[in-house]
PDB file of N, CA and C in Angstrom:
ATOM      1  N   MET A   1      44.565 -12.865  79.900  1.00  0.00           N
ATOM      2  CA  MET A   1      45.999 -12.864  80.066  1.00  0.00           C
ATOM      3  C   MET A   1      46.540 -11.503  79.619  1.00  0.00           C
ATOM      4  N   ASN A   2      47.362 -10.868  80.476  1.00  0.00           N
ATOM      5  CA  ASN A   2      47.894  -9.555  80.121  1.00  0.00           C
ATOM      6  C   ASN A   2      49.134  -9.690  79.226  1.00  0.00           C
ATOM      7  N   GLU A   3      49.635  -8.539  78.745  1.00  0.00           N
ATOM      8  CA  GLU A   3      50.760  -8.539  77.801  1.00  0.00           C
ATOM      9  C   GLU A   3      51.994  -9.216  78.400  1.00  0.00           C
ATOM     10  N   PHE A   4      52.309  -8.894  79.664  1.00  0.00           N
ATOM     11  CA  PHE A   4      53.488  -9.493  80.284  1.00  0.00           C
ATOM     12  C   PHE A   4      53.363 -11.010  80.337  1.00  0.00           C
ATOM     13  N   ASP A   5      52.231 -11.526  80.803  1.00  0.00           N
ATOM     14  CA  ASP A   5      52.046 -12.977  80.907  1.00  0.00           C
ATOM     15  C   ASP A   5      52.232 -13.656  79.549  1.00  0.00           C
ATOM     16  N   ARG A   6      51.643 -13.068  78.524  1.00  0.00           N
ATOM     17  CA  ARG A   6      51.742 -13.624  77.176  1.00  0.00           C
ATOM     18  C   ARG A   6      53.194 -13.648  76.717  1.00  0.00           C
ATOM     19  N   MET A   7      53.901 -12.553  76.949  1.00  0.00           N
ATOM     20  CA  MET A   7      55.294 -12.462  76.508  1.00  0.00           C
ATOM     21  C   MET A   7      56.195 -13.389  77.331  1.00  0.00           C
ATOM     22  N   PHE A   8      55.990 -13.420  78.639  1.00  0.00           N
ATOM     23  CA  PHE A   8      56.821 -14.256  79.507  1.00  0.00           C
ATOM     24  C   PHE A   8      56.682 -15.730  79.132  1.00  0.00           C
ATOM     25  N   LEU A   9      55.460 -16.164  78.870  1.00  0.00           N
ATOM     26  CA  LEU A   9      55.237 -17.559  78.497  1.00  0.00           C
ATOM     27  C   LEU A   9      55.865 -17.907  77.149  1.00  0.00           C
ATOM     28  N   ALA A  10      56.057 -16.914  76.299  1.00  0.00           N
ATOM     29  CA  ALA A  10      56.634 -17.156  74.972  1.00  0.00           C
ATOM     30  C   ALA A  10      58.167 -17.174  74.983  1.00  0.00           C
ATOM     31  N   LEU A  11      58.790 -16.791  76.102  1.00  0.00           N
ATOM     32  CA  LEU A  11      60.253 -16.807  76.179  1.00  0.00           C
ATOM     33  C   LEU A  11      60.780 -18.241  76.126  1.00  0.00           C
ATOM     34  N   THR A  12      61.934 -18.402  75.496  1.00  0.00           N
ATOM     35  CA  THR A  12      62.603 -19.696  75.535  1.00  0.00           C
ATOM     36  C   THR A  12      63.218 -19.858  76.932  1.00  0.00           C
ATOM     37  N   ASN A  13      63.689 -21.052  77.249  1.00  0.00           N
ATOM     38  CA  ASN A  13      64.327 -21.271  78.551  1.00  0.00           C
ATOM     39  C   ASN A  13      65.538 -20.360  78.739  1.00  0.00           C
ATOM     40  N   GLU A  14      66.338 -20.206  77.691  1.00  0.00           N
ATOM     41  CA  GLU A  14      67.519 -19.340  77.781  1.00  0.00           C
ATOM     42  C   GLU A  14      67.109 -17.883  77.978  1.00  0.00           C
ATOM     43  N   GLN A  15      66.118 -17.421  77.211  1.00  0.00           N
ATOM     44  CA  GLN A  15      65.627 -16.052  77.374  1.00  0.00           C
ATOM     45  C   GLN A  15      65.057 -15.845  78.772  1.00  0.00           C
ATOM     46  N   ARG A  16      64.336 -16.830  79.286  1.00  0.00           N
ATOM     47  CA  ARG A  16      63.736 -16.723  80.620  1.00  0.00           C
ATOM     48  C   ARG A  16      64.818 -16.587  81.688  1.00  0.00           C
ATOM     49  N   ASP A  17      65.906 -17.350  81.574  1.00  0.00           N
ATOM     50  CA  ASP A  17      67.007 -17.245  82.531  1.00  0.00           C
ATOM     51  C   ASP A  17      67.641 -15.848  82.496  1.00  0.00           C
ATOM     52  N   ILE A  18      67.856 -15.328  81.298  1.00  0.00           N
ATOM     53  CA  ILE A  18      68.421 -13.980  81.149  1.00  0.00           C
ATOM     54  C   ILE A  18      67.460 -12.952  81.725  1.00  0.00           C
ATOM     55  N   PHE A  19      66.176 -13.094  81.385  1.00  0.00           N
ATOM     56  CA  PHE A  19      65.142 -12.189  81.893  1.00  0.00           C
ATOM     57  C   PHE A  19      65.157 -12.155  83.425  1.00  0.00           C
ATOM     58  N   LEU A  20      65.165 -13.320  84.048  1.00  0.00           N
ATOM     59  CA  LEU A  20      65.126 -13.392  85.510  1.00  0.00           C
ATOM     60  C   LEU A  20      66.381 -12.797  86.140  1.00  0.00           C
ATOM     61  N   ASP A  21      67.546 -13.006  85.524  1.00  0.00           N
ATOM     62  CA  ASP A  21      68.783 -12.417  86.038  1.00  0.00           C
ATOM     63  C   ASP A  21      68.727 -10.892  85.990  1.00  0.00           C
ATOM     64  N   ILE A  22      68.309 -10.360  84.845  1.00  0.00           N
ATOM     65  CA  ILE A  22      68.235  -8.904  84.692  1.00  0.00           C
ATOM     66  C   ILE A  22      67.195  -8.316  85.634  1.00  0.00           C
ATOM     67  N   MET A  23      66.012  -8.917  85.684  1.00  0.00           N
ATOM     68  CA  MET A  23      64.950  -8.373  86.534  1.00  0.00           C
ATOM     69  C   MET A  23      65.306  -8.445  88.014  1.00  0.00           C
ATOM     70  N   SER A  24      66.042  -9.453  88.418  1.00  0.00           N
ATOM     71  CA  SER A  24      66.483  -9.553  89.815  1.00  0.00           C
ATOM     72  C   SER A  24      67.358  -8.358  90.166  1.00  0.00           C
ATOM     73  N   ASP A  25      68.315  -8.041  89.304  1.00  0.00           N
ATOM     74  CA  ASP A  25      69.192  -6.894  89.560  1.00  0.00           C
ATOM     75  C   ASP A  25      68.419  -5.577  89.509  1.00  0.00           C
ATOM     76  N   VAL A  26      67.469  -5.464  88.580  1.00  0.00           N
ATOM     77  CA  VAL A  26      66.666  -4.237  88.479  1.00  0.00           C
ATOM     78  C   VAL A  26      65.833  -4.047  89.745  1.00  0.00           C
ATOM     79  N   LYS A  27      65.154  -5.097  90.192  1.00  0.00           N
ATOM     80  CA  LYS A  27      64.291  -4.982  91.374  1.00  0.00           C
ATOM     81  C   LYS A  27      65.083  -4.690  92.645  1.00  0.00           C
ATOM     82  N   GLU A  28      66.339  -5.145  92.695  1.00  0.00           N
ATOM     83  CA  GLU A  28      67.193  -4.891  93.860  1.00  0.00           C
ATOM     84  C   GLU A  28      68.013  -3.611  93.706  1.00  0.00           C
ATOM     85  N   ASN A  29      67.746  -2.838  92.638  1.00  0.00           N
ATOM     86  CA  ASN A  29      68.452  -1.580  92.368  1.00  0.00           C
ATOM     87  C   ASN A  29      69.965  -1.747  92.373  1.00  0.00           C
ATOM     88  N   LYS A  30      70.444  -2.855  91.853  1.00  0.00           N
ATOM     89  CA  LYS A  30      71.884  -3.117  91.806  1.00  0.00           C
ATOM     90  C   LYS A  30      72.582  -2.313  90.715  1.00  0.00           C
ATOM     91  N   GLY A  31      71.845  -1.927  89.714  1.00  0.00           N
ATOM     92  CA  GLY A  31      72.472  -1.264  88.584  1.00  0.00           C
ATOM     93  C   GLY A  31      73.265  -2.277  87.777  1.00  0.00           C
ATOM     94  N   GLY A  32      73.914  -1.831  86.751  1.00  0.00           N
ATOM     95  CA  GLY A  32      74.734  -2.726  85.961  1.00  0.00           C
ATOM     96  C   GLY A  32      74.520  -2.544  84.485  1.00  0.00           C
ATOM     97  N   VAL A  33      75.327  -3.262  83.737  1.00  0.00           N
ATOM     98  CA  VAL A  33      75.249  -3.254  82.286  1.00  0.00           C
ATOM     99  C   VAL A  33      74.979  -4.690  81.850  1.00  0.00           C
ATOM    100  N   PHE A  34      73.988  -4.876  81.040  1.00  0.00           N
ATOM    101  CA  PHE A  34      73.612  -6.197  80.558  1.00  0.00           C
ATOM    102  C   PHE A  34      73.747  -6.191  79.049  1.00  0.00           C
ATOM    103  N   PHE A  35      74.557  -7.068  78.532  1.00  0.00           N
ATOM    104  CA  PHE A  35      74.795  -7.145  77.101  1.00  0.00           C
ATOM    105  C   PHE A  35      74.167  -8.430  76.584  1.00  0.00           C
ATOM    106  N   VAL A  36      73.119  -8.280  75.805  1.00  0.00           N
ATOM    107  CA  VAL A  36      72.443  -9.430  75.208  1.00  0.00           C
ATOM    108  C   VAL A  36      72.844  -9.458  73.738  1.00  0.00           C
ATOM    109  N   TYR A  37      73.503 -10.526  73.343  1.00  0.00           N
ATOM    110  CA  TYR A  37      73.974 -10.607  71.961  1.00  0.00           C
ATOM    111  C   TYR A  37      73.542 -11.916  71.324  1.00  0.00           C
ATOM    112  N   GLY A  38      73.526 -11.880  70.030  1.00  0.00           N
ATOM    113  CA  GLY A  38      73.162 -13.063  69.275  1.00  0.00           C
ATOM    114  C   GLY A  38      72.891 -12.680  67.834  1.00  0.00           C
ATOM    115  N   TYR A  39      72.815 -13.674  66.988  1.00  0.00           N
ATOM    116  CA  TYR A  39      72.541 -13.427  65.577  1.00  0.00           C
ATOM    117  C   TYR A  39      71.098 -12.974  65.388  1.00  0.00           C
ATOM    118  N   GLY A  40      70.830 -12.388  64.234  1.00  0.00           N
ATOM    119  CA  GLY A  40      69.477 -11.967  63.908  1.00  0.00           C
ATOM    120  C   GLY A  40      68.497 -13.122  64.028  1.00  0.00           C
ATOM    121  N   GLY A  41      67.345 -12.852  64.609  1.00  0.00           N
ATOM    122  CA  GLY A  41      66.313 -13.872  64.719  1.00  0.00           C
ATOM    123  C   GLY A  41      66.398 -14.735  65.969  1.00  0.00           C
ATOM    124  N   THR A  42      67.325 -14.405  66.887  1.00  0.00           N
ATOM    125  CA  THR A  42      67.460 -15.219  68.099  1.00  0.00           C
ATOM    126  C   THR A  42      66.576 -14.736  69.244  1.00  0.00           C
ATOM    127  N   GLY A  43      65.878 -13.619  69.066  1.00  0.00           N
ATOM    128  CA  GLY A  43      64.928 -13.163  70.079  1.00  0.00           C
ATOM    129  C   GLY A  43      65.417 -12.067  70.998  1.00  0.00           C
ATOM    130  N   LYS A  44      66.494 -11.368  70.623  1.00  0.00           N
ATOM    131  CA  LYS A  44      67.017 -10.285  71.470  1.00  0.00           C
ATOM    132  C   LYS A  44      65.975  -9.178  71.647  1.00  0.00           C
ATOM    133  N   THR A  45      65.384  -8.757  70.559  1.00  0.00           N
ATOM    134  CA  THR A  45      64.390  -7.683  70.624  1.00  0.00           C
ATOM    135  C   THR A  45      63.180  -8.124  71.432  1.00  0.00           C
ATOM    136  N   PHE A  46      62.730  -9.353  71.240  1.00  0.00           N
ATOM    137  CA  PHE A  46      61.583  -9.851  72.006  1.00  0.00           C
ATOM    138  C   PHE A  46      61.901  -9.873  73.502  1.00  0.00           C
ATOM    139  N   LEU A  47      63.120 -10.263  73.856  1.00  0.00           N
ATOM    140  CA  LEU A  47      63.534 -10.261  75.256  1.00  0.00           C
ATOM    141  C   LEU A  47      63.478  -8.856  75.824  1.00  0.00           C
ATOM    142  N   TRP A  48      64.026  -7.866  75.097  1.00  0.00           N
ATOM    143  CA  TRP A  48      63.999  -6.486  75.596  1.00  0.00           C
ATOM    144  C   TRP A  48      62.573  -5.943  75.659  1.00  0.00           C
ATOM    145  N   LYS A  49      61.722  -6.329  74.732  1.00  0.00           N
ATOM    146  CA  LYS A  49      60.315  -5.907  74.792  1.00  0.00           C
ATOM    147  C   LYS A  49      59.649  -6.471  76.046  1.00  0.00           C
ATOM    148  N   THR A  50      59.972  -7.713  76.388  1.00  0.00           N
ATOM    149  CA  THR A  50      59.400  -8.338  77.591  1.00  0.00           C
ATOM    150  C   THR A  50      59.907  -7.639  78.846  1.00  0.00           C
ATOM    151  N   ILE A  51      61.187  -7.337  78.884  1.00  0.00           N
ATOM    152  CA  ILE A  51      61.759  -6.614  80.026  1.00  0.00           C
ATOM    153  C   ILE A  51      61.105  -5.238  80.150  1.00  0.00           C
ATOM    154  N   SER A  52      60.978  -4.531  79.039  1.00  0.00           N
ATOM    155  CA  SER A  52      60.346  -3.201  79.048  1.00  0.00           C
ATOM    156  C   SER A  52      58.914  -3.260  79.538  1.00  0.00           C
ATOM    157  N   ALA A  53      58.151  -4.229  79.045  1.00  0.00           N
ATOM    158  CA  ALA A  53      56.747  -4.366  79.457  1.00  0.00           C
ATOM    159  C   ALA A  53      56.649  -4.642  80.947  1.00  0.00           C
ATOM    160  N   THR A  54      57.564  -5.451  81.465  1.00  0.00           N
ATOM    161  CA  THR A  54      57.551  -5.785  82.888  1.00  0.00           C
ATOM    162  C   THR A  54      57.833  -4.564  83.740  1.00  0.00           C
ATOM    163  N   ILE A  55      58.866  -3.825  83.388  1.00  0.00           N
ATOM    164  CA  ILE A  55      59.244  -2.641  84.171  1.00  0.00           C
ATOM    165  C   ILE A  55      58.164  -1.577  84.074  1.00  0.00           C
ATOM    166  N   ARG A  56      57.623  -1.378  82.887  1.00  0.00           N
ATOM    167  CA  ARG A  56      56.563  -0.381  82.714  1.00  0.00           C
ATOM    168  C   ARG A  56      55.278  -0.782  83.436  1.00  0.00           C
ATOM    169  N   SER A  57      55.026  -2.091  83.576  1.00  0.00           N
ATOM    170  CA  SER A  57      53.821  -2.525  84.290  1.00  0.00           C
ATOM    171  C   SER A  57      53.898  -2.165  85.773  1.00  0.00           C
ATOM    172  N   ASP A  58      55.103  -1.932  86.272  1.00  0.00           N
ATOM    173  CA  ASP A  58      55.291  -1.472  87.656  1.00  0.00           C
ATOM    174  C   ASP A  58      55.359   0.050  87.733  1.00  0.00           C
ATOM    175  N   SER A  59      54.940   0.732  86.660  1.00  0.00           N
ATOM    176  CA  SER A  59      54.911   2.200  86.561  1.00  0.00           C
ATOM    177  C   SER A  59      56.297   2.833  86.635  1.00  0.00           C
ATOM    178  N   HIS A  60      57.313   2.112  86.133  1.00  0.00           N
ATOM    179  CA  HIS A  60      58.659   2.666  86.051  1.00  0.00           C
ATOM    180  C   HIS A  60      58.936   3.072  84.607  1.00  0.00           C
ATOM    181  N   ILE A  61      59.981   3.839  84.423  1.00  0.00           N
ATOM    182  CA  ILE A  61      60.323   4.374  83.110  1.00  0.00           C
ATOM    183  C   ILE A  61      61.442   3.554  82.486  1.00  0.00           C
ATOM    184  N   VAL A  62      61.268   3.221  81.216  1.00  0.00           N
ATOM    185  CA  VAL A  62      62.274   2.521  80.420  1.00  0.00           C
ATOM    186  C   VAL A  62      62.558   3.380  79.200  1.00  0.00           C
ATOM    187  N   LEU A  63      63.829   3.587  78.893  1.00  0.00           N
ATOM    188  CA  LEU A  63      64.203   4.246  77.650  1.00  0.00           C
ATOM    189  C   LEU A  63      64.731   3.177  76.711  1.00  0.00           C
ATOM    190  N   ASN A  64      64.082   3.001  75.579  1.00  0.00           N
ATOM    191  CA  ASN A  64      64.541   2.067  74.559  1.00  0.00           C
ATOM    192  C   ASN A  64      65.208   2.876  73.462  1.00  0.00           C
ATOM    193  N   VAL A  65      66.520   2.678  73.320  1.00  0.00           N
ATOM    194  CA  VAL A  65      67.271   3.390  72.296  1.00  0.00           C
ATOM    195  C   VAL A  65      68.006   2.374  71.431  1.00  0.00           C
ATOM    196  N   ALA A  66      68.316   2.786  70.205  1.00  0.00           N
ATOM    197  CA  ALA A  66      68.983   1.894  69.260  1.00  0.00           C
ATOM    198  C   ALA A  66      70.001   2.676  68.453  1.00  0.00           C
ATOM    199  N   SER A  67      70.928   1.945  67.864  1.00  0.00           N
ATOM    200  CA  SER A  67      71.977   2.595  67.085  1.00  0.00           C
ATOM    201  C   SER A  67      71.485   3.074  65.719  1.00  0.00           C
ATOM    202  N   SER A  68      70.384   2.531  65.253  1.00  0.00           N
ATOM    203  CA  SER A  68      69.854   2.952  63.952  1.00  0.00           C
ATOM    204  C   SER A  68      68.362   3.235  64.043  1.00  0.00           C
ATOM    205  N   GLY A  69      67.880   4.006  63.087  1.00  0.00           N
ATOM    206  CA  GLY A  69      66.458   4.321  63.045  1.00  0.00           C
ATOM    207  C   GLY A  69      65.600   3.091  62.824  1.00  0.00           C
ATOM    208  N   ILE A  70      66.069   2.169  61.988  1.00  0.00           N
ATOM    209  CA  ILE A  70      65.316   0.947  61.725  1.00  0.00           C
ATOM    210  C   ILE A  70      65.186   0.131  63.005  1.00  0.00           C
ATOM    211  N   ALA A  71      66.299  -0.055  63.722  1.00  0.00           N
ATOM    212  CA  ALA A  71      66.265  -0.830  64.970  1.00  0.00           C
ATOM    213  C   ALA A  71      65.378  -0.158  66.014  1.00  0.00           C
ATOM    214  N   SER A  72      65.369   1.174  66.052  1.00  0.00           N
ATOM    215  CA  SER A  72      64.551   1.875  67.046  1.00  0.00           C
ATOM    216  C   SER A  72      63.062   1.645  66.820  1.00  0.00           C
ATOM    217  N   LEU A  73      62.672   1.396  65.579  1.00  0.00           N
ATOM    218  CA  LEU A  73      61.257   1.152  65.266  1.00  0.00           C
ATOM    219  C   LEU A  73      60.758  -0.168  65.836  1.00  0.00           C
ATOM    220  N   LEU A  74      61.672  -1.087  66.134  1.00  0.00           N
ATOM    221  CA  LEU A  74      61.290  -2.397  66.654  1.00  0.00           C
ATOM    222  C   LEU A  74      61.015  -2.393  68.155  1.00  0.00           C
ATOM    223  N   LEU A  75      61.414  -1.324  68.840  1.00  0.00           N
ATOM    224  CA  LEU A  75      61.280  -1.249  70.297  1.00  0.00           C
ATOM    225  C   LEU A  75      60.143  -0.316  70.685  1.00  0.00           C
ATOM    226  N   PRO A  76      59.368  -0.653  71.719  1.00  0.00           N
ATOM    227  CA  PRO A  76      58.269   0.218  72.143  1.00  0.00           C
ATOM    228  C   PRO A  76      58.799   1.567  72.622  1.00  0.00           C
ATOM    229  N   GLY A  77      58.366   2.632  71.971  1.00  0.00           N
ATOM    230  CA  GLY A  77      58.827   3.972  72.332  1.00  0.00           C
ATOM    231  C   GLY A  77      60.272   4.205  71.967  1.00  0.00           C
ATOM    232  N   GLY A  78      60.834   3.383  71.082  1.00  0.00           N
ATOM    233  CA  GLY A  78      62.246   3.455  70.743  1.00  0.00           C
ATOM    234  C   GLY A  78      62.634   4.719  69.991  1.00  0.00           C
ATOM    235  N   ARG A  79      63.850   5.159  70.251  1.00  0.00           N
ATOM    236  CA  ARG A  79      64.449   6.299  69.550  1.00  0.00           C
ATOM    237  C   ARG A  79      65.901   5.959  69.278  1.00  0.00           C
ATOM    238  N   THR A  80      66.512   6.695  68.374  1.00  0.00           N
ATOM    239  CA  THR A  80      67.938   6.480  68.164  1.00  0.00           C
ATOM    240  C   THR A  80      68.692   7.066  69.357  1.00  0.00           C
ATOM    241  N   THR A  81      69.845   6.472  69.639  1.00  0.00           N
ATOM    242  CA  THR A  81      70.653   6.915  70.774  1.00  0.00           C
ATOM    243  C   THR A  81      71.047   8.374  70.622  1.00  0.00           C
ATOM    244  N   HIS A  82      71.483   8.750  69.424  1.00  0.00           N
ATOM    245  CA  HIS A  82      71.941  10.137  69.252  1.00  0.00           C
ATOM    246  C   HIS A  82      70.805  11.147  69.398  1.00  0.00           C
ATOM    247  N   SER A  83      69.589  10.782  69.025  1.00  0.00           N
ATOM    248  CA  SER A  83      68.491  11.745  69.192  1.00  0.00           C
ATOM    249  C   SER A  83      68.017  11.802  70.643  1.00  0.00           C
ATOM    250  N   GLN A  84      67.990  10.660  71.331  1.00  0.00           N
ATOM    251  CA  GLN A  84      67.539  10.643  72.732  1.00  0.00           C
ATOM    252  C   GLN A  84      68.492  11.416  73.639  1.00  0.00           C
ATOM    253  N   PHE A  85      69.799  11.235  73.412  1.00  0.00           N
ATOM    254  CA  PHE A  85      70.787  11.844  74.300  1.00  0.00           C
ATOM    255  C   PHE A  85      71.493  13.054  73.692  1.00  0.00           C
ATOM    256  N   ILE A  86      70.945  13.556  72.585  1.00  0.00           N
ATOM    257  CA  ILE A  86      71.443  14.757  71.921  1.00  0.00           C
ATOM    258  C   ILE A  86      72.943  14.636  71.644  1.00  0.00           C
ATOM    259  N   LEU A  87      73.316  13.549  70.970  1.00  0.00           N
ATOM    260  CA  LEU A  87      74.709  13.297  70.627  1.00  0.00           C
ATOM    261  C   LEU A  87      74.958  13.663  69.169  1.00  0.00           C
ATOM    262  N   PRO A  88      76.160  14.152  68.859  1.00  0.00           N
ATOM    263  CA  PRO A  88      76.480  14.408  67.454  1.00  0.00           C
ATOM    264  C   PRO A  88      76.683  13.071  66.723  1.00  0.00           C
ATOM    265  N   PHE A  89      76.608  13.115  65.398  1.00  0.00           N
ATOM    266  CA  PHE A  89      76.816  11.890  64.623  1.00  0.00           C
ATOM    267  C   PHE A  89      78.268  11.419  64.706  1.00  0.00           C
ATOM    268  N   GLU A  90      79.200  12.368  64.721  1.00  0.00           N
ATOM    269  CA  GLU A  90      80.605  12.008  64.840  1.00  0.00           C
ATOM    270  C   GLU A  90      81.078  12.365  66.238  1.00  0.00           C
ATOM    271  N   VAL A  91      81.470  11.356  66.978  1.00  0.00           N
ATOM    272  CA  VAL A  91      81.933  11.561  68.347  1.00  0.00           C
ATOM    273  C   VAL A  91      83.435  11.328  68.377  1.00  0.00           C
ATOM    274  N   THR A  92      84.171  12.316  68.885  1.00  0.00           N
ATOM    275  CA  THR A  92      85.622  12.191  68.994  1.00  0.00           C
ATOM    276  C   THR A  92      85.979  11.632  70.364  1.00  0.00           C
ATOM    277  N   GLU A  93      87.224  11.213  70.535  1.00  0.00           N
ATOM    278  CA  GLU A  93      87.619  10.598  71.806  1.00  0.00           C
ATOM    279  C   GLU A  93      87.580  11.570  72.975  1.00  0.00           C
ATOM    280  N   ASP A  94      87.616  12.872  72.706  1.00  0.00           N
ATOM    281  CA  ASP A  94      87.567  13.847  73.799  1.00  0.00           C
ATOM    282  C   ASP A  94      86.169  14.465  73.964  1.00  0.00           C
ATOM    283  N   PHE A  95      85.175  13.908  73.272  1.00  0.00           N
ATOM    284  CA  PHE A  95      83.803  14.408  73.370  1.00  0.00           C
ATOM    285  C   PHE A  95      83.224  14.136  74.760  1.00  0.00           C
ATOM    286  N   ILE A  96      82.527  15.113  75.289  1.00  0.00           N
ATOM    287  CA  ILE A  96      81.819  14.975  76.564  1.00  0.00           C
ATOM    288  C   ILE A  96      80.360  15.345  76.315  1.00  0.00           C
ATOM    289  N   CYS A  97      79.469  14.465  76.715  1.00  0.00           N
ATOM    290  CA  CYS A  97      78.045  14.738  76.583  1.00  0.00           C
ATOM    291  C   CYS A  97      77.647  15.704  77.696  1.00  0.00           C
ATOM    292  N   LYS A  98      77.176  16.860  77.314  1.00  0.00           N
ATOM    293  CA  LYS A  98      76.820  17.881  78.300  1.00  0.00           C
ATOM    294  C   LYS A  98      75.302  17.994  78.399  1.00  0.00           C
ATOM    295  N   ILE A  99      74.756  17.336  79.402  1.00  0.00           N
ATOM    296  CA  ILE A  99      73.314  17.385  79.635  1.00  0.00           C
ATOM    297  C   ILE A  99      73.061  18.393  80.742  1.00  0.00           C
ATOM    298  N   ASN A 100      72.290  19.402  80.434  1.00  0.00           N
ATOM    299  CA  ASN A 100      71.975  20.434  81.412  1.00  0.00           C
ATOM    300  C   ASN A 100      71.159  19.807  82.546  1.00  0.00           C
ATOM    301  N   PRO A 101      71.643  19.881  83.792  1.00  0.00           N
ATOM    302  CA  PRO A 101      70.955  19.223  84.914  1.00  0.00           C
ATOM    303  C   PRO A 101      69.568  19.782  85.217  1.00  0.00           C
ATOM    304  N   HIS A 102      69.239  20.928  84.626  1.00  0.00           N
ATOM    305  CA  HIS A 102      67.939  21.548  84.890  1.00  0.00           C
ATOM    306  C   HIS A 102      66.937  21.338  83.757  1.00  0.00           C
ATOM    307  N   ARG A 103      67.334  20.650  82.726  1.00  0.00           N
ATOM    308  CA  ARG A 103      66.460  20.395  81.580  1.00  0.00           C
ATOM    309  C   ARG A 103      65.667  19.102  81.764  1.00  0.00           C
ATOM    310  N   GLU A 104      64.671  18.929  80.913  1.00  0.00           N
ATOM    311  CA  GLU A 104      63.779  17.762  80.981  1.00  0.00           C
ATOM    312  C   GLU A 104      64.532  16.443  80.819  1.00  0.00           C
ATOM    313  N   LEU A 105      65.525  16.395  79.929  1.00  0.00           N
ATOM    314  CA  LEU A 105      66.280  15.157  79.724  1.00  0.00           C
ATOM    315  C   LEU A 105      66.987  14.724  81.009  1.00  0.00           C
ATOM    316  N   ALA A 106      67.570  15.637  81.733  1.00  0.00           N
ATOM    317  CA  ALA A 106      68.248  15.295  82.995  1.00  0.00           C
ATOM    318  C   ALA A 106      67.237  14.789  84.026  1.00  0.00           C
ATOM    319  N   ARG A 107      66.068  15.417  84.096  1.00  0.00           N
ATOM    320  CA  ARG A 107      65.030  14.948  85.028  1.00  0.00           C
ATOM    321  C   ARG A 107      64.574  13.536  84.655  1.00  0.00           C
ATOM    322  N   LEU A 108      64.442  13.279  83.360  1.00  0.00           N
ATOM    323  CA  LEU A 108      64.050  11.958  82.890  1.00  0.00           C
ATOM    324  C   LEU A 108      65.113  10.914  83.255  1.00  0.00           C
ATOM    325  N   LEU A 109      66.370  11.227  83.036  1.00  0.00           N
ATOM    326  CA  LEU A 109      67.449  10.288  83.336  1.00  0.00           C
ATOM    327  C   LEU A 109      67.509   9.932  84.818  1.00  0.00           C
ATOM    328  N   ARG A 110      67.142  10.856  85.678  1.00  0.00           N
ATOM    329  CA  ARG A 110      67.134  10.567  87.114  1.00  0.00           C
ATOM    330  C   ARG A 110      65.992   9.633  87.508  1.00  0.00           C
ATOM    331  N   LYS A 111      64.953   9.553  86.675  1.00  0.00           N
ATOM    332  CA  LYS A 111      63.771   8.749  87.000  1.00  0.00           C
ATOM    333  C   LYS A 111      63.760   7.361  86.383  1.00  0.00           C
ATOM    334  N   ILE A 112      64.562   7.125  85.364  1.00  0.00           N
ATOM    335  CA  ILE A 112      64.453   5.860  84.636  1.00  0.00           C
ATOM    336  C   ILE A 112      64.916   4.671  85.457  1.00  0.00           C
ATOM    337  N   GLN A 113      64.325   3.542  85.160  1.00  0.00           N
ATOM    338  CA  GLN A 113      64.689   2.277  85.799  1.00  0.00           C
ATOM    339  C   GLN A 113      65.748   1.558  84.967  1.00  0.00           C
ATOM    340  N   ILE A 114      65.627   1.645  83.644  1.00  0.00           N
ATOM    341  CA  ILE A 114      66.566   0.943  82.754  1.00  0.00           C
ATOM    342  C   ILE A 114      66.618   1.635  81.403  1.00  0.00           C
ATOM    343  N   VAL A 115      67.803   1.582  80.781  1.00  0.00           N
ATOM    344  CA  VAL A 115      67.984   2.026  79.409  1.00  0.00           C
ATOM    345  C   VAL A 115      68.297   0.785  78.593  1.00  0.00           C
ATOM    346  N   SER A 116      67.518   0.537  77.575  1.00  0.00           N
ATOM    347  CA  SER A 116      67.731  -0.611  76.702  1.00  0.00           C
ATOM    348  C   SER A 116      68.335  -0.082  75.412  1.00  0.00           C
ATOM    349  N   LEU A 117      69.562  -0.507  75.103  1.00  0.00           N
ATOM    350  CA  LEU A 117      70.247  -0.086  73.887  1.00  0.00           C
ATOM    351  C   LEU A 117      70.336  -1.260  72.941  1.00  0.00           C
ATOM    352  N   SER A 118      69.757  -1.104  71.787  1.00  0.00           N
ATOM    353  CA  SER A 118      69.782  -2.160  70.779  1.00  0.00           C
ATOM    354  C   SER A 118      70.719  -1.744  69.659  1.00  0.00           C
ATOM    355  N   GLY A 119      71.581  -2.681  69.286  1.00  0.00           N
ATOM    356  CA  GLY A 119      72.514  -2.362  68.228  1.00  0.00           C
ATOM    357  C   GLY A 119      72.402  -3.283  67.031  1.00  0.00           C
ATOM    358  N   GLY A 120      71.509  -4.229  67.073  1.00  0.00           N
ATOM    359  CA  GLY A 120      71.352  -5.152  65.971  1.00  0.00           C
ATOM    360  C   GLY A 120      72.233  -6.375  66.145  1.00  0.00           C
ATOM    361  N   ALA A 121      72.281  -7.203  65.160  1.00  0.00           N
ATOM    362  CA  ALA A 121      73.037  -8.464  65.216  1.00  0.00           C
ATOM    363  C   ALA A 121      74.522  -8.189  65.113  1.00  0.00           C
ATOM    364  N   PRO A 122      75.369  -9.062  65.717  1.00  0.00           N
ATOM    365  CA  PRO A 122      76.812  -8.855  65.641  1.00  0.00           C
ATOM    366  C   PRO A 122      77.346  -9.090  64.235  1.00  0.00           C
TER     367      PRO A 122
END
């Protein structure tokens, strides 16, 4: 049994429904924003790990980013949002993220299938 099969079988019914909804939109290139929320211990990170494993098994790129260094350690290949996207710690309302279109980060952003942002429990 491969990693995806093991993880998919371990999903709860609710997680499986969310997984299938997100993966349907990803496979159809619909784009979108998916907000998975819940208290600590409800399986949000496990769900995102399963989604990441699925997308990566199809040789696509997933960026797993988190609001804190601790949260980023829980995600495969995770990094903090500010380090991945070269953001300052203090962002003002008129801040514009300037990513050079000829740099590696811009090339990576054009290739990714999904960005998973983890912020921890509400």
